[in-house]
Amino acid sequence: MTEGRERRSASMLDDAFDALASHHRRRVLVALLDHNPQSDRVHAEGAVKESHTRADRDHLQTAMHHKHLPKLEAYGFIRWDKNTHEVEKGPAFDHIRPLLEVLDSHVTEFTDE
């Protein structure tokens, strides 16, 4: 493997792990394995249901729209149409798919879900 190719591969893996570092982003990506496209409102509402206070709900909803979804879009893992609220697989989705499939098939080993 050439040095440039190794650097690109390492960078793509770093991007994948950064994207997967948040359970909110993992939820969006794993959901796209089976249902493409999806509404961003579904994921924002899911995040809101997890919170206990109004301030938590507001913070999570804002984070979905200003942090989590834009980050996934910047990596190319999703395409997000803010006008229609539609989230779909992006051009780099297949780069993260193997990790998502492992997480999805072993979810009970990694979490309490």
C-alpha atoms as a PDB file:
ATOM      1  CA  MET A   1       0.000   0.000   0.000  1.00  0.00           C
ATOM      2  CA  THR A   2       1.402   3.406  -0.906  1.00  0.00           C
ATOM      3  CA  GLU A   3       1.931   6.086   1.710  1.00  0.00           C
ATOM      4  CA  GLY A   4      -0.775   8.335   0.209  1.00  0.00           C
ATOM      5  CA  ARG A   5      -3.272   5.493   0.095  1.00  0.00           C
ATOM      6  CA  GLU A   6      -2.446   4.526   3.696  1.00  0.00           C
ATOM      7  CA  ARG A   7      -3.020   8.127   4.779  1.00  0.00           C
ATOM      8  CA  ARG A   8      -6.406   8.253   2.987  1.00  0.00           C
ATOM      9  CA  SER A   9      -7.452   4.923   4.516  1.00  0.00           C
ATOM     10  CA  ALA A  10      -6.439   6.055   7.993  1.00  0.00           C
ATOM     11  CA  SER A  11      -8.275   9.341   7.497  1.00  0.00           C
ATOM     12  CA  MET A  12     -11.453   7.536   6.371  1.00  0.00           C
ATOM     13  CA  LEU A  13     -11.270   5.254   9.407  1.00  0.00           C
ATOM     14  CA  ASP A  14     -10.746   8.261  11.701  1.00  0.00           C
ATOM     15  CA  ASP A  15     -13.806   9.919  10.125  1.00  0.00           C
ATOM     16  CA  ALA A  16     -15.857   6.761  10.645  1.00  0.00           C
ATOM     17  CA  PHE A  17     -14.905   6.466  14.308  1.00  0.00           C
ATOM     18  CA  ASP A  18     -15.547  10.169  14.873  1.00  0.00           C
ATOM     19  CA  ALA A  19     -18.982   9.805  13.281  1.00  0.00           C
ATOM     20  CA  LEU A  20     -19.728   6.779  15.473  1.00  0.00           C
ATOM     21  CA  ALA A  21     -18.553   8.465  18.680  1.00  0.00           C
ATOM     22  CA  SER A  22     -22.038   9.842  19.382  1.00  0.00           C
ATOM     23  CA  HIS A  23     -24.980   7.523  19.952  1.00  0.00           C
ATOM     24  CA  HIS A  24     -27.195  10.095  18.226  1.00  0.00           C
ATOM     25  CA  ARG A  25     -25.122   9.832  15.047  1.00  0.00           C
ATOM     26  CA  ARG A  26     -24.909   6.029  15.357  1.00  0.00           C
ATOM     27  CA  ARG A  27     -28.702   5.862  15.580  1.00  0.00           C
ATOM     28  CA  VAL A  28     -29.080   7.860  12.343  1.00  0.00           C
ATOM     29  CA  LEU A  29     -26.517   5.782  10.459  1.00  0.00           C
ATOM     30  CA  VAL A  30     -27.742   2.372  11.633  1.00  0.00           C
ATOM     31  CA  ALA A  31     -31.331   3.334  10.815  1.00  0.00           C
ATOM     32  CA  LEU A  32     -30.262   4.114   7.241  1.00  0.00           C
ATOM     33  CA  LEU A  33     -29.090   0.521   6.805  1.00  0.00           C
ATOM     34  CA  ASP A  34     -32.744  -0.553   6.556  1.00  0.00           C
ATOM     35  CA  HIS A  35     -34.712   2.609   5.790  1.00  0.00           C
ATOM     36  CA  ASN A  36     -33.407   5.044   3.224  1.00  0.00           C
ATOM     37  CA  PRO A  37     -34.375   7.899   3.154  1.00  0.00           C
ATOM     38  CA  GLN A  38     -35.648   9.029   6.547  1.00  0.00           C
ATOM     39  CA  SER A  39     -36.965  12.159   8.159  1.00  0.00           C
ATOM     40  CA  ASP A  40     -34.533  14.119  10.333  1.00  0.00           C
ATOM     41  CA  ARG A  41     -37.496  14.789  12.618  1.00  0.00           C
ATOM     42  CA  VAL A  42     -37.621  11.117  13.609  1.00  0.00           C
ATOM     43  CA  HIS A  43     -34.073  11.294  14.951  1.00  0.00           C
ATOM     44  CA  ALA A  44     -34.582  14.650  16.632  1.00  0.00           C
ATOM     45  CA  GLU A  45     -37.743  13.333  18.312  1.00  0.00           C
ATOM     46  CA  GLY A  46     -35.908  10.172  19.402  1.00  0.00           C
ATOM     47  CA  ALA A  47     -33.221  12.296  21.014  1.00  0.00           C
ATOM     48  CA  VAL A  48     -35.861  14.436  22.672  1.00  0.00           C
ATOM     49  CA  LYS A  49     -37.637  11.398  24.177  1.00  0.00           C
ATOM     50  CA  GLU A  50     -34.398  10.400  25.932  1.00  0.00           C
ATOM     51  CA  SER A  51     -34.114  13.685  27.793  1.00  0.00           C
ATOM     52  CA  HIS A  52     -35.790  14.490  31.069  1.00  0.00           C
ATOM     53  CA  THR A  53     -36.035  18.255  31.133  1.00  0.00           C
ATOM     54  CA  ARG A  54     -37.154  20.822  28.586  1.00  0.00           C
ATOM     55  CA  ALA A  55     -33.651  22.288  28.563  1.00  0.00           C
ATOM     56  CA  ASP A  56     -32.216  18.833  27.741  1.00  0.00           C
ATOM     57  CA  ARG A  57     -34.758  18.380  24.955  1.00  0.00           C
ATOM     58  CA  ASP A  58     -33.991  21.787  23.482  1.00  0.00           C
ATOM     59  CA  HIS A  59     -30.256  21.145  23.686  1.00  0.00           C
ATOM     60  CA  LEU A  60     -30.513  17.735  21.991  1.00  0.00           C
ATOM     61  CA  GLN A  61     -32.782  18.985  19.234  1.00  0.00           C
ATOM     62  CA  THR A  62     -30.410  21.867  18.536  1.00  0.00           C
ATOM     63  CA  ALA A  63     -27.425  19.516  18.593  1.00  0.00           C
ATOM     64  CA  MET A  64     -29.034  17.213  16.026  1.00  0.00           C
ATOM     65  CA  HIS A  65     -29.572  20.065  13.583  1.00  0.00           C
ATOM     66  CA  HIS A  66     -26.437  22.080  14.230  1.00  0.00           C
ATOM     67  CA  LYS A  67     -23.857  19.425  15.096  1.00  0.00           C
ATOM     68  CA  HIS A  68     -24.703  15.771  14.467  1.00  0.00           C
ATOM     69  CA  LEU A  69     -26.422  15.878  11.073  1.00  0.00           C
ATOM     70  CA  PRO A  70     -24.018  18.482   9.632  1.00  0.00           C
ATOM     71  CA  LYS A  71     -21.034  16.383  10.762  1.00  0.00           C
ATOM     72  CA  LEU A  72     -22.393  13.248   9.102  1.00  0.00           C
ATOM     73  CA  GLU A  73     -23.091  15.252   5.967  1.00  0.00           C
ATOM     74  CA  ALA A  74     -19.581  16.765   5.957  1.00  0.00           C
ATOM     75  CA  TYR A  75     -18.075  13.258   6.065  1.00  0.00           C
ATOM     76  CA  GLY A  76     -20.315  12.242   3.180  1.00  0.00           C
ATOM     77  CA  PHE A  77     -22.080   9.532   5.174  1.00  0.00           C
ATOM     78  CA  ILE A  78     -25.473  11.201   4.683  1.00  0.00           C
ATOM     79  CA  ARG A  79     -27.195  13.710   2.459  1.00  0.00           C
ATOM     80  CA  TRP A  80     -29.482  15.999   4.393  1.00  0.00           C
ATOM     81  CA  ASP A  81     -32.114  18.210   2.808  1.00  0.00           C
ATOM     82  CA  LYS A  82     -32.932  20.794   5.441  1.00  0.00           C
ATOM     83  CA  ASN A  83     -35.974  22.006   3.482  1.00  0.00           C
ATOM     84  CA  THR A  84     -37.700  18.623   3.216  1.00  0.00           C
ATOM     85  CA  HIS A  85     -36.151  17.263   6.443  1.00  0.00           C
ATOM     86  CA  GLU A  86     -34.982  14.198   4.540  1.00  0.00           C
ATOM     87  CA  VAL A  87     -31.846  12.251   5.463  1.00  0.00           C
ATOM     88  CA  GLU A  88     -30.498   9.636   3.069  1.00  0.00           C
ATOM     89  CA  LYS A  89     -27.335   7.639   2.513  1.00  0.00           C
ATOM     90  CA  GLY A  90     -24.497   9.808   1.279  1.00  0.00           C
ATOM     91  CA  PRO A  91     -21.735   9.067  -1.228  1.00  0.00           C
ATOM     92  CA  ALA A  92     -19.381   7.740   1.483  1.00  0.00           C
ATOM     93  CA  PHE A  93     -22.010   5.607   3.267  1.00  0.00           C
ATOM     94  CA  ASP A  94     -20.550   2.363   1.934  1.00  0.00           C
ATOM     95  CA  HIS A  95     -17.229   3.200   3.629  1.00  0.00           C
ATOM     96  CA  ILE A  96     -18.908   3.062   7.038  1.00  0.00           C
ATOM     97  CA  ARG A  97     -21.415   0.289   6.246  1.00  0.00           C
ATOM     98  CA  PRO A  98     -19.223  -2.633   7.510  1.00  0.00           C
ATOM     99  CA  LEU A  99     -18.809  -0.958  10.910  1.00  0.00           C
ATOM    100  CA  LEU A 100     -22.535  -0.204  11.103  1.00  0.00           C
ATOM    101  CA  GLU A 101     -23.438  -3.786  10.272  1.00  0.00           C
ATOM    102  CA  VAL A 102     -21.174  -5.081  13.058  1.00  0.00           C
ATOM    103  CA  LEU A 103     -22.658  -2.605  15.536  1.00  0.00           C
ATOM    104  CA  ASP A 104     -26.204  -3.427  14.476  1.00  0.00           C
ATOM    105  CA  SER A 105     -25.745  -7.196  14.658  1.00  0.00           C
ATOM    106  CA  HIS A 106     -24.096  -6.992  18.099  1.00  0.00           C
ATOM    107  CA  VAL A 107     -26.088  -4.132  19.633  1.00  0.00           C
ATOM    108  CA  THR A 108     -27.034  -6.116  22.738  1.00  0.00           C
ATOM    109  CA  GLU A 109     -23.377  -6.877  23.440  1.00  0.00           C
ATOM    110  CA  PHE A 110     -22.418  -3.195  23.246  1.00  0.00           C
ATOM    111  CA  THR A 111     -25.420  -1.599  24.966  1.00  0.00           C
ATOM    112  CA  ASP A 112     -28.366  -2.279  27.221  1.00  0.00           C
ATOM    113  CA  GLU A 113     -30.763  -2.124  24.229  1.00  0.00           C
END
